[in-house]
Amino acid sequence: MLAAVIERQGDIANLAVRDWPDPVPGPGEVLVEVRAVGLNHLDIFVRRGMPGFPVTTPFISGGDIAGRVAALGESVTRWRVGDRVAVNPMTPAGMMGEEVQGGMAQLCTVPETHLVRIPDGMDEVTAAAIPINFGTALRMLETIGHLQPGELVLVIGASGGVGTAALQLIRQRGARSIAVTRGADKASLLAPHADHVVDMAAEDFSRAAWRLSGKQGVDMVLNYTGGDTWVPSLRAMRQRGRLVTCGATAGYDPPEDIRYIWVRELQVLGSNGYTKQDIERAFEICAAGEAKPLISRVLDIHQVQEAHRLLESREVVGKVVLTIPPRS
């Protein structure tokens, strides 16, 4: 089969599109013919290499997978060949595309328990842009953050996949949002999806959020960037506000100012991933037209280096999706 392979960790040049042995489904597994894969910053981290988390190369990344069932392993009963499916990549063996081989290839194997049916009328490119970002955003907002109608939510890094999903889910739940991004072009693209947009290249987003909240502070902050956004996020929050974090794309060891935490009794909450139920709910919401993934670019698998470059340089709003050609 054809696959986008990380030959060794490091530069984008270490990505190669080449032949790879076909995977074989074991008992309880399904062979998926992949049609589309959505990229995430995790793919960048896996290719670059993360401190304390080595990946044995060559390796195939990619966890946002959509395609069709191509074959069934022994004892599989839940699926039939030809079923259109997306994937919950957090398998018992590890995260697909991070700990076990992922789906940036023509074929991949998935436990039958970790497939989600693609709704009728939804194409595979759209389906590949939903699981990780919408699943993550739902868990942050609902399960961990307990979002309530009318609340004001500050979304840091709002132009990414999780951010653009969160903005739509906030509005769908009758709450309000302040989207934080960098650059006038991104701010313009986010404007239809947020109540307010702050260009952090032009102004201090914590001051802007304080002003937009009527100097009361925001009810919740979603922060998956960390780094130099951490303390400004604390400054923007109201008494007993909630900061929900799920990652650290800008740095995992930021400066801290615990004065804000104790004086305002702030709640700093961690959110780790999503469940299959989160992903299924995300598909229900998108199929009903209540939200839709923002897809910035759709590229062919042979353009995987360009896809990584776009994501790494933060030139996109929403998702980058790779399409996978069928086997000849």
C-alpha atoms as a PDB file:
ATOM      1  CA  MET A   1       0.000   0.000   0.000  1.00  0.00           C
ATOM      2  CA  LEU A   2       0.928   3.670  -0.283  1.00  0.00           C
ATOM      3  CA  ALA A   3       1.753   5.508   2.951  1.00  0.00           C
ATOM      4  CA  ALA A   4       3.179   8.788   4.213  1.00  0.00           C
ATOM      5  CA  VAL A   5       6.095   7.603   6.325  1.00  0.00           C
ATOM      6  CA  ILE A   6       8.205   9.402   8.932  1.00  0.00           C
ATOM      7  CA  GLU A   7      11.562   7.872   8.051  1.00  0.00           C
ATOM      8  CA  ARG A   8      13.211   9.423  11.107  1.00  0.00           C
ATOM      9  CA  GLN A   9      12.212  12.161  13.493  1.00  0.00           C
ATOM     10  CA  GLY A  10      13.185  15.710  12.655  1.00  0.00           C
ATOM     11  CA  ASP A  11      12.627  17.952   9.640  1.00  0.00           C
ATOM     12  CA  ILE A  12       9.765  17.871   7.157  1.00  0.00           C
ATOM     13  CA  ALA A  13      12.227  16.411   4.639  1.00  0.00           C
ATOM     14  CA  ASN A  14      12.082  13.175   6.649  1.00  0.00           C
ATOM     15  CA  LEU A  15       8.530  12.546   5.394  1.00  0.00           C
ATOM     16  CA  ALA A  16       8.319  10.205   2.405  1.00  0.00           C
ATOM     17  CA  VAL A  17       5.367   8.827   0.459  1.00  0.00           C
ATOM     18  CA  ARG A  18       6.247   5.241  -0.425  1.00  0.00           C
ATOM     19  CA  ASP A  19       5.205   1.605  -0.387  1.00  0.00           C
ATOM     20  CA  TRP A  20       4.494  -0.004   2.994  1.00  0.00           C
ATOM     21  CA  PRO A  21       3.412  -3.565   3.824  1.00  0.00           C
ATOM     22  CA  ASP A  22      -0.349  -4.054   3.922  1.00  0.00           C
ATOM     23  CA  PRO A  23      -1.640  -4.446   7.491  1.00  0.00           C
ATOM     24  CA  VAL A  24      -3.666  -7.561   8.331  1.00  0.00           C
ATOM     25  CA  PRO A  25      -6.595  -7.344  10.751  1.00  0.00           C
ATOM     26  CA  GLY A  26      -6.341  -9.574  13.790  1.00  0.00           C
ATOM     27  CA  PRO A  27      -9.223 -10.984  15.854  1.00  0.00           C
ATOM     28  CA  GLY A  28     -11.677  -8.232  16.712  1.00  0.00           C
ATOM     29  CA  GLU A  29     -10.094  -5.829  14.232  1.00  0.00           C
ATOM     30  CA  VAL A  30     -11.331  -4.211  11.036  1.00  0.00           C
ATOM     31  CA  LEU A  31      -9.249  -3.310   7.984  1.00  0.00           C
ATOM     32  CA  VAL A  32     -10.160   0.221   6.894  1.00  0.00           C
ATOM     33  CA  GLU A  33      -9.566   1.531   3.382  1.00  0.00           C
ATOM     34  CA  VAL A  34      -8.623   5.117   4.221  1.00  0.00           C
ATOM     35  CA  ARG A  35     -10.085   7.876   2.070  1.00  0.00           C
ATOM     36  CA  ALA A  36      -9.110  10.970   4.072  1.00  0.00           C
ATOM     37  CA  VAL A  37      -6.988  11.917   7.091  1.00  0.00           C
ATOM     38  CA  GLY A  38      -7.165  15.169   9.049  1.00  0.00           C
ATOM     39  CA  LEU A  39      -3.891  16.562  10.356  1.00  0.00           C
ATOM     40  CA  ASN A  40      -3.349  17.684  13.943  1.00  0.00           C
ATOM     41  CA  HIS A  41      -0.444  19.272  15.792  1.00  0.00           C
ATOM     42  CA  LEU A  42       0.181  15.820  17.242  1.00  0.00           C
ATOM     43  CA  ASP A  43       1.372  14.792  13.768  1.00  0.00           C
ATOM     44  CA  ILE A  44       3.891  17.637  13.894  1.00  0.00           C
ATOM     45  CA  PHE A  45       5.096  16.604  17.358  1.00  0.00           C
ATOM     46  CA  VAL A  46       5.462  12.964  16.336  1.00  0.00           C
ATOM     47  CA  ARG A  47       7.475  13.931  13.265  1.00  0.00           C
ATOM     48  CA  ARG A  48       9.667  16.413  15.142  1.00  0.00           C
ATOM     49  CA  GLY A  49      10.123  14.247  18.234  1.00  0.00           C
ATOM     50  CA  MET A  50       8.882  15.020  21.738  1.00  0.00           C
ATOM     51  CA  PRO A  51      11.077  15.081  24.871  1.00  0.00           C
ATOM     52  CA  GLY A  52      10.662  11.851  26.815  1.00  0.00           C
ATOM     53  CA  PHE A  53       8.482  10.250  24.159  1.00  0.00           C
ATOM     54  CA  PRO A  54      10.577   8.620  21.455  1.00  0.00           C
ATOM     55  CA  VAL A  55       8.842   7.053  18.454  1.00  0.00           C
ATOM     56  CA  THR A  56      10.389   4.084  16.710  1.00  0.00           C
ATOM     57  CA  THR A  57      10.790   4.937  13.042  1.00  0.00           C
ATOM     58  CA  PRO A  58       9.889   4.428  10.278  1.00  0.00           C
ATOM     59  CA  PHE A  59       6.395   5.318  11.453  1.00  0.00           C
ATOM     60  CA  ILE A  60       2.988   6.305  10.068  1.00  0.00           C
ATOM     61  CA  SER A  61       1.167   9.095  11.920  1.00  0.00           C
ATOM     62  CA  GLY A  62      -2.448  10.218  11.508  1.00  0.00           C
ATOM     63  CA  GLY A  63      -5.352   9.710  13.901  1.00  0.00           C
ATOM     64  CA  ASP A  64      -8.255  11.581  12.241  1.00  0.00           C
ATOM     65  CA  ILE A  65      -9.241   8.809   9.837  1.00  0.00           C
ATOM     66  CA  ALA A  66     -12.252   8.339   7.566  1.00  0.00           C
ATOM     67  CA  GLY A  67     -12.849   5.585   5.027  1.00  0.00           C
ATOM     68  CA  ARG A  68     -14.622   2.307   4.399  1.00  0.00           C
ATOM     69  CA  VAL A  69     -14.450  -1.168   5.858  1.00  0.00           C
ATOM     70  CA  ALA A  70     -12.311  -3.287   3.530  1.00  0.00           C
ATOM     71  CA  ALA A  71     -12.090  -6.573   5.460  1.00  0.00           C
ATOM     72  CA  LEU A  72     -13.054  -8.103   8.792  1.00  0.00           C
ATOM     73  CA  GLY A  73     -10.852  -9.900  11.257  1.00  0.00           C
ATOM     74  CA  GLU A  74     -11.957 -13.023  13.061  1.00  0.00           C
ATOM     75  CA  SER A  75     -15.035 -12.666  15.318  1.00  0.00           C
ATOM     76  CA  VAL A  76     -15.963  -9.168  14.121  1.00  0.00           C
ATOM     77  CA  THR A  77     -19.753  -8.791  14.225  1.00  0.00           C
ATOM     78  CA  ARG A  78     -20.471  -5.065  14.429  1.00  0.00           C
ATOM     79  CA  TRP A  79     -19.452  -4.076  10.897  1.00  0.00           C
ATOM     80  CA  ARG A  80     -19.786  -5.137   7.268  1.00  0.00           C
ATOM     81  CA  VAL A  81     -17.478  -4.654   4.298  1.00  0.00           C
ATOM     82  CA  GLY A  82     -18.338  -1.329   2.639  1.00  0.00           C
ATOM     83  CA  ASP A  83     -19.530   0.434   5.800  1.00  0.00           C
ATOM     84  CA  ARG A  84     -18.380   4.061   5.911  1.00  0.00           C
ATOM     85  CA  VAL A  85     -16.517   4.719   9.131  1.00  0.00           C
ATOM     86  CA  ALA A  86     -14.452   7.189  11.095  1.00  0.00           C
ATOM     87  CA  VAL A  87     -12.067   6.234  13.878  1.00  0.00           C
ATOM     88  CA  ASN A  88     -11.686   6.829  17.599  1.00  0.00           C
ATOM     89  CA  PRO A  89      -7.878   6.686  17.576  1.00  0.00           C
ATOM     90  CA  MET A  90      -7.458   6.196  21.348  1.00  0.00           C
ATOM     91  CA  THR A  91      -7.229   2.395  21.169  1.00  0.00           C
ATOM     92  CA  PRO A  92      -6.335  -0.028  23.998  1.00  0.00           C
ATOM     93  CA  ALA A  93      -2.917  -0.519  22.366  1.00  0.00           C
ATOM     94  CA  GLY A  94      -2.246   3.228  22.320  1.00  0.00           C
ATOM     95  CA  MET A  95      -3.029   6.371  20.370  1.00  0.00           C
ATOM     96  CA  MET A  96      -3.074   5.719  16.632  1.00  0.00           C
ATOM     97  CA  GLY A  97      -0.488   7.852  14.890  1.00  0.00           C
ATOM     98  CA  GLU A  98       1.468   8.388  18.119  1.00  0.00           C
ATOM     99  CA  GLU A  99       1.962   5.077  19.915  1.00  0.00           C
ATOM    100  CA  VAL A 100       0.767   2.635  17.250  1.00  0.00           C
ATOM    101  CA  GLN A 101       0.780   2.950  13.475  1.00  0.00           C
ATOM    102  CA  GLY A 102      -1.700   5.521  12.236  1.00  0.00           C
ATOM    103  CA  GLY A 103      -3.910   6.076   9.244  1.00  0.00           C
ATOM    104  CA  MET A 104      -1.915   8.256   6.855  1.00  0.00           C
ATOM    105  CA  ALA A 105      -1.947   5.374   4.385  1.00  0.00           C
ATOM    106  CA  GLN A 106      -4.273   3.508   2.075  1.00  0.00           C
ATOM    107  CA  LEU A 107      -5.063   0.911   4.751  1.00  0.00           C
ATOM    108  CA  CYS A 108      -5.052   0.675   8.531  1.00  0.00           C
ATOM    109  CA  THR A 109      -6.359  -1.744  11.152  1.00  0.00           C
ATOM    110  CA  VAL A 110      -8.672  -0.587  13.932  1.00  0.00           C
ATOM    111  CA  PRO A 111     -10.420  -2.429  16.786  1.00  0.00           C
ATOM    112  CA  GLU A 112     -14.056  -2.873  15.847  1.00  0.00           C
ATOM    113  CA  THR A 113     -14.974  -1.124  19.107  1.00  0.00           C
ATOM    114  CA  HIS A 114     -13.210   2.052  17.954  1.00  0.00           C
ATOM    115  CA  LEU A 115     -15.140   2.764  14.772  1.00  0.00           C
ATOM    116  CA  VAL A 116     -17.907   5.329  14.379  1.00  0.00           C
ATOM    117  CA  ARG A 117     -20.398   5.261  11.527  1.00  0.00           C
ATOM    118  CA  ILE A 118     -20.236   8.233   9.152  1.00  0.00           C
ATOM    119  CA  PRO A 119     -23.735   9.723   8.788  1.00  0.00           C
ATOM    120  CA  ASP A 120     -25.478   9.450   5.437  1.00  0.00           C
ATOM    121  CA  GLY A 121     -24.825  12.466   3.251  1.00  0.00           C
ATOM    122  CA  MET A 122     -21.499  13.339   4.874  1.00  0.00           C
ATOM    123  CA  ASP A 123     -18.373  13.010   2.721  1.00  0.00           C
ATOM    124  CA  GLU A 124     -15.144  11.449   3.989  1.00  0.00           C
ATOM    125  CA  VAL A 125     -13.164  14.705   3.888  1.00  0.00           C
ATOM    126  CA  THR A 126     -15.636  16.326   6.278  1.00  0.00           C
ATOM    127  CA  ALA A 127     -15.706  13.183   8.439  1.00  0.00           C
ATOM    128  CA  ALA A 128     -11.898  13.226   8.754  1.00  0.00           C
ATOM    129  CA  ALA A 129     -12.055  16.766  10.145  1.00  0.00           C
ATOM    130  CA  ILE A 130     -14.386  15.930  13.045  1.00  0.00           C
ATOM    131  CA  PRO A 131     -13.212  13.268  15.549  1.00  0.00           C
ATOM    132  CA  ILE A 132     -10.200  14.687  17.378  1.00  0.00           C
ATOM    133  CA  ASN A 133     -10.993  18.405  17.281  1.00  0.00           C
ATOM    134  CA  PHE A 134     -14.737  18.215  17.977  1.00  0.00           C
ATOM    135  CA  GLY A 135     -14.286  15.363  20.466  1.00  0.00           C
ATOM    136  CA  THR A 136     -11.634  17.359  22.327  1.00  0.00           C
ATOM    137  CA  ALA A 137     -13.709  20.553  22.296  1.00  0.00           C
ATOM    138  CA  LEU A 138     -16.823  18.761  23.565  1.00  0.00           C
ATOM    139  CA  ARG A 139     -14.938  17.221  26.466  1.00  0.00           C
ATOM    140  CA  MET A 140     -13.339  20.558  27.406  1.00  0.00           C
ATOM    141  CA  LEU A 141     -16.579  22.505  27.252  1.00  0.00           C
ATOM    142  CA  GLU A 142     -19.086  20.001  28.631  1.00  0.00           C
ATOM    143  CA  THR A 143     -17.525  17.170  30.626  1.00  0.00           C
ATOM    144  CA  ILE A 144     -14.766  19.224  32.249  1.00  0.00           C
ATOM    145  CA  GLY A 145     -15.841  22.852  31.891  1.00  0.00           C
ATOM    146  CA  HIS A 146     -19.613  22.446  32.476  1.00  0.00           C
ATOM    147  CA  LEU A 147     -20.451  25.263  30.066  1.00  0.00           C
ATOM    148  CA  GLN A 148     -23.750  27.040  30.782  1.00  0.00           C
ATOM    149  CA  PRO A 149     -25.931  29.116  28.424  1.00  0.00           C
ATOM    150  CA  GLY A 150     -25.057  32.791  28.496  1.00  0.00           C
ATOM    151  CA  GLU A 151     -21.499  32.304  29.733  1.00  0.00           C
ATOM    152  CA  LEU A 152     -18.558  34.064  28.100  1.00  0.00           C
ATOM    153  CA  VAL A 153     -15.690  31.826  26.951  1.00  0.00           C
ATOM    154  CA  LEU A 154     -12.217  32.990  25.924  1.00  0.00           C
ATOM    155  CA  VAL A 155     -10.746  30.645  23.300  1.00  0.00           C
ATOM    156  CA  ILE A 156      -6.971  30.863  22.941  1.00  0.00           C
ATOM    157  CA  GLY A 157      -5.557  29.660  19.632  1.00  0.00           C
ATOM    158  CA  ALA A 158      -9.016  29.881  18.146  1.00  0.00           C
ATOM    159  CA  SER A 159      -7.880  29.403  14.544  1.00  0.00           C
ATOM    160  CA  GLY A 160      -6.845  25.773  15.079  1.00  0.00           C
ATOM    161  CA  GLY A 161      -9.008  22.704  14.677  1.00  0.00           C
ATOM    162  CA  VAL A 162     -10.019  22.491  18.349  1.00  0.00           C
ATOM    163  CA  GLY A 163     -10.526  26.248  18.514  1.00  0.00           C
ATOM    164  CA  THR A 164     -12.795  26.497  15.480  1.00  0.00           C
ATOM    165  CA  ALA A 165     -14.813  23.519  16.736  1.00  0.00           C
ATOM    166  CA  ALA A 166     -15.124  25.094  20.184  1.00  0.00           C
ATOM    167  CA  LEU A 167     -16.389  28.406  18.801  1.00  0.00           C
ATOM    168  CA  GLN A 168     -19.236  26.652  17.019  1.00  0.00           C
ATOM    169  CA  LEU A 169     -20.125  24.471  20.014  1.00  0.00           C
ATOM    170  CA  ILE A 170     -20.154  27.505  22.313  1.00  0.00           C
ATOM    171  CA  ARG A 171     -22.653  29.254  20.058  1.00  0.00           C
ATOM    172  CA  GLN A 172     -24.703  26.063  19.660  1.00  0.00           C
ATOM    173  CA  ARG A 173     -25.109  25.930  23.443  1.00  0.00           C
ATOM    174  CA  GLY A 174     -26.296  29.516  23.755  1.00  0.00           C
ATOM    175  CA  ALA A 175     -23.045  30.840  25.199  1.00  0.00           C
ATOM    176  CA  ARG A 176     -20.771  33.617  23.918  1.00  0.00           C
ATOM    177  CA  SER A 177     -17.160  33.561  22.785  1.00  0.00           C
ATOM    178  CA  ILE A 178     -14.062  35.704  22.448  1.00  0.00           C
ATOM    179  CA  ALA A 179     -11.744  34.202  19.829  1.00  0.00           C
ATOM    180  CA  VAL A 180      -8.028  34.920  20.171  1.00  0.00           C
ATOM    181  CA  THR A 181      -5.802  34.525  17.142  1.00  0.00           C
ATOM    182  CA  ARG A 182      -2.765  36.150  15.562  1.00  0.00           C
ATOM    183  CA  GLY A 183      -3.059  38.217  12.376  1.00  0.00           C
ATOM    184  CA  ALA A 184      -5.769  40.284  10.721  1.00  0.00           C
ATOM    185  CA  ASP A 185      -6.511  37.679   8.035  1.00  0.00           C
ATOM    186  CA  LYS A 186      -7.216  34.964  10.598  1.00  0.00           C
ATOM    187  CA  ALA A 187      -9.266  37.361  12.679  1.00  0.00           C
ATOM    188  CA  SER A 188     -11.417  38.149   9.655  1.00  0.00           C
ATOM    189  CA  LEU A 189     -12.023  34.457   8.924  1.00  0.00           C
ATOM    190  CA  LEU A 190     -13.034  33.780  12.529  1.00  0.00           C
ATOM    191  CA  ALA A 191     -15.402  36.747  12.790  1.00  0.00           C
ATOM    192  CA  PRO A 192     -18.527  34.862  11.558  1.00  0.00           C
ATOM    193  CA  HIS A 193     -18.037  32.175  14.214  1.00  0.00           C
ATOM    194  CA  ALA A 194     -17.347  34.248  17.350  1.00  0.00           C
ATOM    195  CA  ASP A 195     -19.042  37.061  19.233  1.00  0.00           C
ATOM    196  CA  HIS A 196     -15.721  38.914  19.481  1.00  0.00           C
ATOM    197  CA  VAL A 197     -12.316  38.382  17.878  1.00  0.00           C
ATOM    198  CA  VAL A 198      -9.027  39.632  19.312  1.00  0.00           C
ATOM    199  CA  ASP A 199      -5.865  39.834  17.208  1.00  0.00           C
ATOM    200  CA  MET A 200      -3.114  39.231  19.750  1.00  0.00           C
ATOM    201  CA  ALA A 201      -0.590  40.647  17.290  1.00  0.00           C
ATOM    202  CA  ALA A 202      -2.326  44.003  17.669  1.00  0.00           C
ATOM    203  CA  GLU A 203      -3.409  44.076  21.336  1.00  0.00           C
ATOM    204  CA  ASP A 204      -3.055  42.335  24.677  1.00  0.00           C
ATOM    205  CA  PHE A 205      -5.791  39.713  24.620  1.00  0.00           C
ATOM    206  CA  SER A 206      -6.212  39.697  28.419  1.00  0.00           C
ATOM    207  CA  ARG A 207      -6.904  43.446  28.439  1.00  0.00           C
ATOM    208  CA  ALA A 208      -9.291  43.066  25.510  1.00  0.00           C
ATOM    209  CA  ALA A 209     -11.143  40.201  27.226  1.00  0.00           C
ATOM    210  CA  TRP A 210     -11.408  42.232  30.446  1.00  0.00           C
ATOM    211  CA  ARG A 211     -12.904  45.130  28.490  1.00  0.00           C
ATOM    212  CA  LEU A 212     -15.284  42.941  26.479  1.00  0.00           C
ATOM    213  CA  SER A 213     -16.511  41.256  29.671  1.00  0.00           C
ATOM    214  CA  GLY A 214     -17.481  44.612  31.169  1.00  0.00           C
ATOM    215  CA  LYS A 215     -14.451  44.415  33.491  1.00  0.00           C
ATOM    216  CA  GLN A 216     -15.944  41.351  35.168  1.00  0.00           C
ATOM    217  CA  GLY A 217     -13.720  38.698  33.600  1.00  0.00           C
ATOM    218  CA  VAL A 218     -14.657  35.700  31.450  1.00  0.00           C
ATOM    219  CA  ASP A 219     -16.419  32.644  32.836  1.00  0.00           C
ATOM    220  CA  MET A 220     -14.168  30.119  31.122  1.00  0.00           C
ATOM    221  CA  VAL A 221     -10.894  29.988  29.196  1.00  0.00           C
ATOM    222  CA  LEU A 222      -9.988  27.225  26.758  1.00  0.00           C
ATOM    223  CA  ASN A 223      -6.215  27.089  26.449  1.00  0.00           C
ATOM    224  CA  TYR A 224      -4.341  24.389  24.541  1.00  0.00           C
ATOM    225  CA  THR A 225      -1.325  26.553  23.749  1.00  0.00           C
ATOM    226  CA  GLY A 226       0.326  27.224  27.118  1.00  0.00           C
ATOM    227  CA  GLY A 227       3.563  29.184  26.823  1.00  0.00           C
ATOM    228  CA  ASP A 228       3.239  32.934  27.035  1.00  0.00           C
ATOM    229  CA  THR A 229      -0.587  32.779  26.885  1.00  0.00           C
ATOM    230  CA  TRP A 230      -0.869  31.188  30.343  1.00  0.00           C
ATOM    231  CA  VAL A 231      -0.635  34.133  32.749  1.00  0.00           C
ATOM    232  CA  PRO A 232      -2.663  36.475  30.493  1.00  0.00           C
ATOM    233  CA  SER A 233      -5.382  33.800  30.499  1.00  0.00           C
ATOM    234  CA  LEU A 234      -5.482  33.924  34.313  1.00  0.00           C
ATOM    235  CA  ARG A 235      -5.711  37.725  34.269  1.00  0.00           C
ATOM    236  CA  ALA A 236      -8.742  37.596  31.975  1.00  0.00           C
ATOM    237  CA  MET A 237     -10.883  35.440  34.297  1.00  0.00           C
ATOM    238  CA  ARG A 238     -13.666  36.336  36.724  1.00  0.00           C
ATOM    239  CA  GLN A 239     -13.947  35.202  40.340  1.00  0.00           C
ATOM    240  CA  ARG A 240     -14.104  31.363  40.389  1.00  0.00           C
ATOM    241  CA  GLY A 241     -13.689  31.225  36.633  1.00  0.00           C
ATOM    242  CA  ARG A 242     -12.555  27.966  34.985  1.00  0.00           C
ATOM    243  CA  LEU A 243      -9.453  27.544  32.855  1.00  0.00           C
ATOM    244  CA  VAL A 244      -9.522  24.272  30.904  1.00  0.00           C
ATOM    245  CA  THR A 245      -6.289  23.107  29.324  1.00  0.00           C
ATOM    246  CA  CYS A 246      -5.723  20.180  26.978  1.00  0.00           C
ATOM    247  CA  GLY A 247      -2.264  20.819  25.566  1.00  0.00           C
ATOM    248  CA  ALA A 248       0.748  23.065  25.243  1.00  0.00           C
ATOM    249  CA  THR A 249       1.534  23.750  21.599  1.00  0.00           C
ATOM    250  CA  ALA A 250       3.430  26.933  22.565  1.00  0.00           C
ATOM    251  CA  GLY A 251       5.257  25.457  25.553  1.00  0.00           C
ATOM    252  CA  TYR A 252       4.516  23.160  28.503  1.00  0.00           C
ATOM    253  CA  ASP A 253       6.534  25.036  31.158  1.00  0.00           C
ATOM    254  CA  PRO A 254       5.125  28.581  31.163  1.00  0.00           C
ATOM    255  CA  PRO A 255       5.743  31.296  33.759  1.00  0.00           C
ATOM    256  CA  GLU A 256       3.118  31.233  36.510  1.00  0.00           C
ATOM    257  CA  ASP A 257       1.437  33.827  38.714  1.00  0.00           C
ATOM    258  CA  ILE A 258      -0.453  31.996  41.427  1.00  0.00           C
ATOM    259  CA  ARG A 259      -1.721  35.260  42.935  1.00  0.00           C
ATOM    260  CA  TYR A 260      -4.575  35.243  40.435  1.00  0.00           C
ATOM    261  CA  ILE A 261      -5.399  31.629  41.275  1.00  0.00           C
ATOM    262  CA  TRP A 262      -5.818  32.134  45.007  1.00  0.00           C
ATOM    263  CA  VAL A 263      -7.174  35.710  45.046  1.00  0.00           C
ATOM    264  CA  ARG A 264      -9.888  34.960  42.465  1.00  0.00           C
ATOM    265  CA  GLU A 265     -10.285  31.304  43.503  1.00  0.00           C
ATOM    266  CA  LEU A 266      -9.706  30.236  39.929  1.00  0.00           C
ATOM    267  CA  GLN A 267     -10.228  26.632  38.866  1.00  0.00           C
ATOM    268  CA  VAL A 268      -7.488  25.219  36.628  1.00  0.00           C
ATOM    269  CA  LEU A 269      -8.800  22.027  35.016  1.00  0.00           C
ATOM    270  CA  GLY A 270      -7.101  19.470  32.804  1.00  0.00           C
ATOM    271  CA  SER A 271      -8.890  17.800  29.912  1.00  0.00           C
ATOM    272  CA  ASN A 272      -7.236  14.792  28.303  1.00  0.00           C
ATOM    273  CA  GLY A 273      -8.596  13.667  24.949  1.00  0.00           C
ATOM    274  CA  TYR A 274     -12.145  12.461  24.376  1.00  0.00           C
ATOM    275  CA  THR A 275     -14.282   9.344  24.426  1.00  0.00           C
ATOM    276  CA  LYS A 276     -16.015   7.414  21.671  1.00  0.00           C
ATOM    277  CA  GLN A 277     -19.253   8.932  22.944  1.00  0.00           C
ATOM    278  CA  ASP A 278     -17.796  12.430  22.471  1.00  0.00           C
ATOM    279  CA  ILE A 279     -16.959  11.583  18.854  1.00  0.00           C
ATOM    280  CA  GLU A 280     -20.382  10.060  18.197  1.00  0.00           C
ATOM    281  CA  ARG A 281     -22.043  13.160  19.659  1.00  0.00           C
ATOM    282  CA  ALA A 282     -19.818  15.360  17.490  1.00  0.00           C
ATOM    283  CA  PHE A 283     -20.990  13.545  14.371  1.00  0.00           C
ATOM    284  CA  GLU A 284     -24.617  13.944  15.454  1.00  0.00           C
ATOM    285  CA  ILE A 285     -24.147  17.694  15.906  1.00  0.00           C
ATOM    286  CA  CYS A 286     -22.439  18.123  12.537  1.00  0.00           C
ATOM    287  CA  ALA A 287     -24.911  15.876  10.703  1.00  0.00           C
ATOM    288  CA  ALA A 288     -27.768  17.977  12.102  1.00  0.00           C
ATOM    289  CA  GLY A 289     -26.151  21.119  10.683  1.00  0.00           C
ATOM    290  CA  GLU A 290     -25.569  22.643  14.133  1.00  0.00           C
ATOM    291  CA  ALA A 291     -21.823  22.886  13.480  1.00  0.00           C
ATOM    292  CA  LYS A 292     -19.409  22.149  10.659  1.00  0.00           C
ATOM    293  CA  PRO A 293     -15.649  21.651  10.654  1.00  0.00           C
ATOM    294  CA  LEU A 294     -13.729  24.487   9.063  1.00  0.00           C
ATOM    295  CA  ILE A 295     -11.444  22.982   6.434  1.00  0.00           C
ATOM    296  CA  SER A 296      -8.725  25.308   5.221  1.00  0.00           C
ATOM    297  CA  ARG A 297      -6.948  23.066   2.712  1.00  0.00           C
ATOM    298  CA  VAL A 298      -7.511  19.669   1.108  1.00  0.00           C
ATOM    299  CA  LEU A 299      -4.345  18.114  -0.290  1.00  0.00           C
ATOM    300  CA  ASP A 300      -3.336  14.783  -1.777  1.00  0.00           C
ATOM    301  CA  ILE A 301      -1.186  12.421   0.298  1.00  0.00           C
ATOM    302  CA  HIS A 302       1.743  13.184  -2.016  1.00  0.00           C
ATOM    303  CA  GLN A 303       1.587  16.758  -0.651  1.00  0.00           C
ATOM    304  CA  VAL A 304       2.116  15.637   2.953  1.00  0.00           C
ATOM    305  CA  GLN A 305       5.216  17.812   3.349  1.00  0.00           C
ATOM    306  CA  GLU A 306       3.246  20.897   2.337  1.00  0.00           C
ATOM    307  CA  ALA A 307       0.452  19.891   4.735  1.00  0.00           C
ATOM    308  CA  HIS A 308       2.962  19.728   7.598  1.00  0.00           C
ATOM    309  CA  ARG A 309       4.447  23.064   6.560  1.00  0.00           C
ATOM    310  CA  LEU A 310       1.061  24.784   6.556  1.00  0.00           C
ATOM    311  CA  LEU A 311       0.172  23.461   9.989  1.00  0.00           C
ATOM    312  CA  GLU A 312       3.591  24.070  11.502  1.00  0.00           C
ATOM    313  CA  SER A 313       3.707  27.660  10.258  1.00  0.00           C
ATOM    314  CA  ARG A 314       0.136  28.267  11.492  1.00  0.00           C
ATOM    315  CA  GLU A 315      -0.977  29.534   8.101  1.00  0.00           C
ATOM    316  CA  VAL A 316      -4.408  27.888   8.243  1.00  0.00           C
ATOM    317  CA  VAL A 317      -7.733  28.431   9.964  1.00  0.00           C
ATOM    318  CA  GLY A 318      -9.327  25.114  10.846  1.00  0.00           C
ATOM    319  CA  LYS A 319      -8.187  21.803   9.448  1.00  0.00           C
ATOM    320  CA  VAL A 320      -5.833  20.511   6.773  1.00  0.00           C
ATOM    321  CA  VAL A 321      -7.062  17.222   5.302  1.00  0.00           C
ATOM    322  CA  LEU A 322      -5.158  14.752   3.137  1.00  0.00           C
ATOM    323  CA  THR A 323      -7.038  12.616   0.636  1.00  0.00           C
ATOM    324  CA  ILE A 324      -5.808   9.088  -0.025  1.00  0.00           C
ATOM    325  CA  PRO A 325      -6.136   7.609  -3.530  1.00  0.00           C
ATOM    326  CA  PRO A 326      -7.773   4.176  -3.781  1.00  0.00           C
ATOM    327  CA  ARG A 327      -5.557   1.209  -4.431  1.00  0.00           C
ATOM    328  CA  SER A 328      -5.220   0.361  -8.115  1.00  0.00           C
END
